[in-house]
N, C-alpha and C. Protein backbone atom coordinates (compact mmCIF):
# COMPACT_ATOMS: atom_id res chain seq x y z
N UNK A 1 0.86 -1.17 0.00
CA UNK A 1 0.00 0.00 0.00
C UNK A 1 0.90 1.23 0.00
N UNK A 2 0.94 1.92 -1.11
CA UNK A 2 1.80 3.10 -1.25
C UNK A 2 1.06 4.34 -0.76
N UNK A 3 1.44 4.81 0.41
CA UNK A 3 0.75 5.94 1.04
C UNK A 3 0.93 7.23 0.25
N UNK A 4 2.08 7.44 -0.33
CA UNK A 4 2.32 8.66 -1.13
C UNK A 4 1.40 8.69 -2.35
N UNK A 5 1.28 7.57 -3.02
CA UNK A 5 0.39 7.49 -4.18
C UNK A 5 -1.05 7.74 -3.74
N UNK A 6 -1.45 7.16 -2.61
CA UNK A 6 -2.81 7.38 -2.12
C UNK A 6 -3.04 8.86 -1.83
N UNK A 7 -2.10 9.53 -1.21
CA UNK A 7 -2.27 10.95 -0.91
C UNK A 7 -2.48 11.75 -2.20
N UNK A 8 -1.73 11.42 -3.24
CA UNK A 8 -1.91 12.10 -4.53
C UNK A 8 -3.28 11.82 -5.13
N UNK A 9 -3.71 10.56 -5.06
CA UNK A 9 -5.01 10.19 -5.61
C UNK A 9 -6.16 10.83 -4.84
N UNK A 10 -6.01 10.90 -3.52
CA UNK A 10 -7.03 11.55 -2.69
C UNK A 10 -7.15 13.03 -3.05
N UNK A 11 -6.02 13.68 -3.24
CA UNK A 11 -6.04 15.11 -3.60
C UNK A 11 -6.76 15.32 -4.92
N UNK A 12 -6.43 14.50 -5.91
CA UNK A 12 -7.04 14.63 -7.23
C UNK A 12 -8.54 14.35 -7.20
N UNK A 13 -8.95 13.39 -6.40
CA UNK A 13 -10.36 12.97 -6.39
C UNK A 13 -11.23 13.78 -5.44
N UNK A 14 -10.70 14.12 -4.26
CA UNK A 14 -11.56 14.67 -3.21
C UNK A 14 -11.04 15.95 -2.55
N UNK A 15 -9.84 16.37 -2.89
CA UNK A 15 -9.29 17.58 -2.27
C UNK A 15 -8.88 17.32 -0.84
N UNK A 16 -9.26 18.23 0.05
CA UNK A 16 -8.87 18.12 1.45
C UNK A 16 -7.50 18.73 1.69
N UNK A 17 -7.13 18.83 2.93
CA UNK A 17 -5.83 19.40 3.28
C UNK A 17 -4.75 18.33 3.23
N UNK A 18 -3.49 18.73 3.11
CA UNK A 18 -2.42 17.74 3.15
C UNK A 18 -2.43 16.91 4.43
N UNK A 19 -2.69 17.54 5.57
CA UNK A 19 -2.72 16.80 6.84
C UNK A 19 -3.84 15.76 6.84
N UNK A 20 -4.98 16.14 6.32
CA UNK A 20 -6.11 15.20 6.26
C UNK A 20 -5.79 14.03 5.34
N UNK A 21 -5.22 14.32 4.19
CA UNK A 21 -4.86 13.24 3.27
C UNK A 21 -3.80 12.32 3.88
N UNK A 22 -2.86 12.90 4.62
CA UNK A 22 -1.82 12.09 5.29
C UNK A 22 -2.42 11.12 6.29
N UNK A 23 -3.36 11.60 7.11
CA UNK A 23 -3.93 10.72 8.13
C UNK A 23 -4.79 9.63 7.49
N UNK A 24 -5.50 9.94 6.43
CA UNK A 24 -6.28 8.91 5.74
C UNK A 24 -5.33 7.88 5.13
N UNK A 25 -4.25 8.35 4.50
CA UNK A 25 -3.28 7.41 3.91
C UNK A 25 -2.62 6.56 4.99
N UNK A 26 -2.35 7.16 6.15
CA UNK A 26 -1.75 6.39 7.24
C UNK A 26 -2.71 5.30 7.73
N UNK A 27 -3.99 5.65 7.89
CA UNK A 27 -4.96 4.66 8.34
C UNK A 27 -5.17 3.57 7.28
N UNK A 28 -5.18 3.95 6.02
CA UNK A 28 -5.30 2.95 4.95
C UNK A 28 -4.09 2.01 4.96
N UNK A 29 -2.91 2.57 5.18
CA UNK A 29 -1.72 1.74 5.29
C UNK A 29 -1.79 0.81 6.48
N UNK A 30 -2.29 1.34 7.61
CA UNK A 30 -2.46 0.49 8.80
C UNK A 30 -3.45 -0.63 8.54
N UNK A 31 -4.53 -0.32 7.83
CA UNK A 31 -5.53 -1.34 7.48
C UNK A 31 -4.88 -2.43 6.62
N UNK A 32 -4.10 -2.01 5.63
CA UNK A 32 -3.43 -2.99 4.76
C UNK A 32 -2.40 -3.80 5.55
N UNK A 33 -1.60 -3.12 6.39
CA UNK A 33 -0.55 -3.80 7.16
C UNK A 33 -1.13 -4.79 8.16
N UNK A 34 -2.28 -4.44 8.75
CA UNK A 34 -2.90 -5.31 9.75
C UNK A 34 -3.60 -6.51 9.12
N UNK A 35 -3.77 -6.47 7.82
CA UNK A 35 -4.50 -7.52 7.11
C UNK A 35 -5.84 -7.78 7.76
N UNK A 36 -6.42 -6.68 8.28
CA UNK A 36 -7.71 -6.78 8.98
C UNK A 36 -8.83 -7.21 8.05
N UNK A 37 -8.70 -6.89 6.78
CA UNK A 37 -9.76 -7.22 5.84
C UNK A 37 -9.67 -8.61 5.25
N UNK A 38 -8.63 -9.35 5.61
CA UNK A 38 -8.52 -10.70 5.07
C UNK A 38 -9.77 -11.49 5.41
N UNK A 39 -10.42 -12.00 4.41
CA UNK A 39 -11.65 -12.76 4.60
C UNK A 39 -12.89 -11.91 4.47
N UNK A 40 -12.79 -10.61 4.78
CA UNK A 40 -13.93 -9.71 4.67
C UNK A 40 -13.97 -9.00 3.33
N UNK A 41 -12.82 -8.60 2.85
CA UNK A 41 -12.74 -7.81 1.62
C UNK A 41 -12.38 -8.72 0.46
N UNK A 42 -12.98 -8.45 -0.67
CA UNK A 42 -12.67 -9.27 -1.85
C UNK A 42 -11.69 -8.54 -2.77
N UNK A 43 -10.85 -7.69 -2.19
CA UNK A 43 -9.86 -6.94 -2.95
C UNK A 43 -8.69 -6.62 -2.03
N UNK A 44 -7.56 -6.31 -2.63
CA UNK A 44 -6.39 -5.86 -1.89
C UNK A 44 -6.54 -4.37 -1.60
N UNK A 45 -6.10 -3.92 -0.45
CA UNK A 45 -6.15 -2.51 -0.09
C UNK A 45 -5.01 -1.80 -0.82
N UNK A 46 -5.35 -1.11 -1.90
CA UNK A 46 -4.42 -0.35 -2.72
C UNK A 46 -4.93 1.07 -2.84
N UNK A 47 -4.09 2.00 -3.28
CA UNK A 47 -4.60 3.37 -3.49
C UNK A 47 -5.82 3.41 -4.40
N UNK A 48 -5.79 2.64 -5.47
CA UNK A 48 -6.90 2.63 -6.42
C UNK A 48 -8.17 2.11 -5.77
N UNK A 49 -8.05 1.04 -5.01
CA UNK A 49 -9.23 0.45 -4.35
C UNK A 49 -9.80 1.40 -3.31
N UNK A 50 -8.94 2.06 -2.54
CA UNK A 50 -9.41 2.99 -1.52
C UNK A 50 -10.17 4.15 -2.17
N UNK A 51 -9.58 4.77 -3.18
CA UNK A 51 -10.25 5.90 -3.86
C UNK A 51 -11.56 5.44 -4.48
N UNK A 52 -11.59 4.27 -5.05
CA UNK A 52 -12.82 3.74 -5.64
C UNK A 52 -13.91 3.60 -4.59
N UNK A 53 -13.58 3.02 -3.45
CA UNK A 53 -14.58 2.83 -2.39
C UNK A 53 -14.99 4.15 -1.75
N UNK A 54 -14.05 5.07 -1.59
CA UNK A 54 -14.41 6.37 -1.03
C UNK A 54 -15.32 7.15 -1.98
N UNK A 55 -15.23 6.85 -3.26
CA UNK A 55 -16.11 7.47 -4.24
C UNK A 55 -17.56 7.08 -4.06
N UNK A 56 -17.82 5.99 -3.35
CA UNK A 56 -19.20 5.56 -3.07
C UNK A 56 -19.85 6.36 -1.95
N UNK A 57 -19.04 7.08 -1.18
CA UNK A 57 -19.57 7.86 -0.05
C UNK A 57 -20.49 8.96 -0.58
N UNK A 58 -21.44 9.38 0.24
CA UNK A 58 -22.39 10.39 -0.20
C UNK A 58 -21.79 11.79 -0.31
N UNK A 59 -20.52 11.96 -0.09
CA UNK A 59 -19.87 13.25 -0.22
C UNK A 59 -18.96 13.51 0.95
N UNK A 60 -18.31 14.66 0.92
CA UNK A 60 -17.47 15.06 2.03
C UNK A 60 -15.99 15.04 1.70
N UNK A 61 -15.23 15.37 2.71
CA UNK A 61 -13.77 15.43 2.59
C UNK A 61 -13.20 14.00 2.59
N UNK A 62 -11.90 13.87 2.32
CA UNK A 62 -11.31 12.53 2.37
C UNK A 62 -11.53 11.81 3.70
N UNK A 63 -11.39 12.51 4.82
CA UNK A 63 -11.57 11.86 6.13
C UNK A 63 -13.03 11.47 6.34
N UNK A 64 -13.96 12.33 5.94
CA UNK A 64 -15.38 12.00 6.09
C UNK A 64 -15.73 10.79 5.23
N UNK A 65 -15.22 10.75 4.03
CA UNK A 65 -15.46 9.61 3.14
C UNK A 65 -14.84 8.34 3.71
N UNK A 66 -13.60 8.47 4.22
CA UNK A 66 -12.93 7.32 4.82
C UNK A 66 -13.76 6.78 5.98
N UNK A 67 -14.20 7.66 6.87
CA UNK A 67 -14.97 7.21 8.03
C UNK A 67 -16.30 6.60 7.62
N UNK A 68 -16.90 7.11 6.57
CA UNK A 68 -18.14 6.51 6.05
C UNK A 68 -17.87 5.07 5.62
N UNK A 69 -16.78 4.86 4.87
CA UNK A 69 -16.44 3.52 4.39
C UNK A 69 -16.08 2.58 5.55
N UNK A 70 -15.26 3.07 6.47
CA UNK A 70 -14.87 2.25 7.62
C UNK A 70 -16.10 1.92 8.46
N UNK A 71 -17.01 2.87 8.59
CA UNK A 71 -18.25 2.61 9.32
C UNK A 71 -19.07 1.52 8.67
N UNK A 72 -19.13 1.53 7.34
CA UNK A 72 -19.86 0.49 6.62
C UNK A 72 -19.20 -0.88 6.82
N UNK A 73 -17.86 -0.91 6.76
CA UNK A 73 -17.15 -2.17 7.00
C UNK A 73 -17.37 -2.66 8.43
N UNK A 74 -17.35 -1.74 9.38
CA UNK A 74 -17.55 -2.12 10.77
C UNK A 74 -18.97 -2.65 11.00
N UNK A 75 -19.95 -2.01 10.38
CA UNK A 75 -21.33 -2.46 10.53
C UNK A 75 -21.53 -3.85 9.92
N UNK A 76 -20.86 -4.10 8.81
CA UNK A 76 -21.03 -5.38 8.11
C UNK A 76 -20.21 -6.51 8.74
N UNK A 77 -19.01 -6.19 9.22
CA UNK A 77 -18.09 -7.25 9.64
C UNK A 77 -17.58 -7.11 11.07
N UNK A 78 -17.63 -5.92 11.63
CA UNK A 78 -17.06 -5.67 12.95
C UNK A 78 -15.55 -5.59 12.90
N UNK A 79 -14.97 -4.90 13.87
CA UNK A 79 -13.52 -4.85 14.00
C UNK A 79 -12.82 -3.77 13.22
N UNK A 80 -13.54 -2.87 12.57
CA UNK A 80 -12.91 -1.84 11.76
C UNK A 80 -12.89 -0.47 12.44
N UNK A 81 -13.56 -0.32 13.54
CA UNK A 81 -13.66 0.98 14.21
C UNK A 81 -12.30 1.57 14.54
N UNK A 82 -11.33 0.73 14.83
CA UNK A 82 -9.99 1.22 15.18
C UNK A 82 -9.30 1.93 14.03
N UNK A 83 -9.84 1.82 12.83
CA UNK A 83 -9.24 2.47 11.67
C UNK A 83 -9.90 3.81 11.33
N UNK A 84 -10.84 4.25 12.16
CA UNK A 84 -11.49 5.55 11.93
C UNK A 84 -10.50 6.69 12.12
N UNK A 85 -10.71 7.75 11.38
CA UNK A 85 -9.95 8.99 11.56
C UNK A 85 -10.70 9.82 12.58
N UNK A 86 -10.03 10.18 13.67
CA UNK A 86 -10.70 10.97 14.70
C UNK A 86 -10.18 12.40 14.74
N UNK A 87 -8.96 12.65 14.32
CA UNK A 87 -8.40 14.00 14.34
C UNK A 87 -7.15 14.04 13.48
N UNK A 88 -6.81 15.25 13.06
CA UNK A 88 -5.56 15.45 12.36
C UNK A 88 -5.13 16.88 12.62
N UNK A 89 -3.84 17.09 12.54
CA UNK A 89 -3.30 18.44 12.75
C UNK A 89 -3.62 19.28 11.53
N UNK A 90 -4.17 20.44 11.76
CA UNK A 90 -4.50 21.33 10.67
C UNK A 90 -3.22 21.96 10.11
N UNK A 91 -3.15 22.05 8.79
CA UNK A 91 -2.01 22.72 8.14
C UNK A 91 -2.15 24.22 8.34
N UNK A 92 -1.02 24.88 8.52
CA UNK A 92 -1.09 26.33 8.66
C UNK A 92 -0.66 27.02 7.40
């Protein structure tokens, strides 16, 4: 899971601040590293897959979209709440 590529893809698709994109990319990397989705997800966690799934969200910033997707995974399978974005340092 290439976090730098994901940050670029998030910017192109959804905007947001650099700090917000960094924290989403970090959580996506943690999700991939933890292999938490093994058995639940029918795809590998890649930048392309993350952006594709975040595109299904009803709108919002990258973090809002990420939390929407993680919430859906948690509701369906459980165990994903730890990957939610709760805060990020605002860029000045």
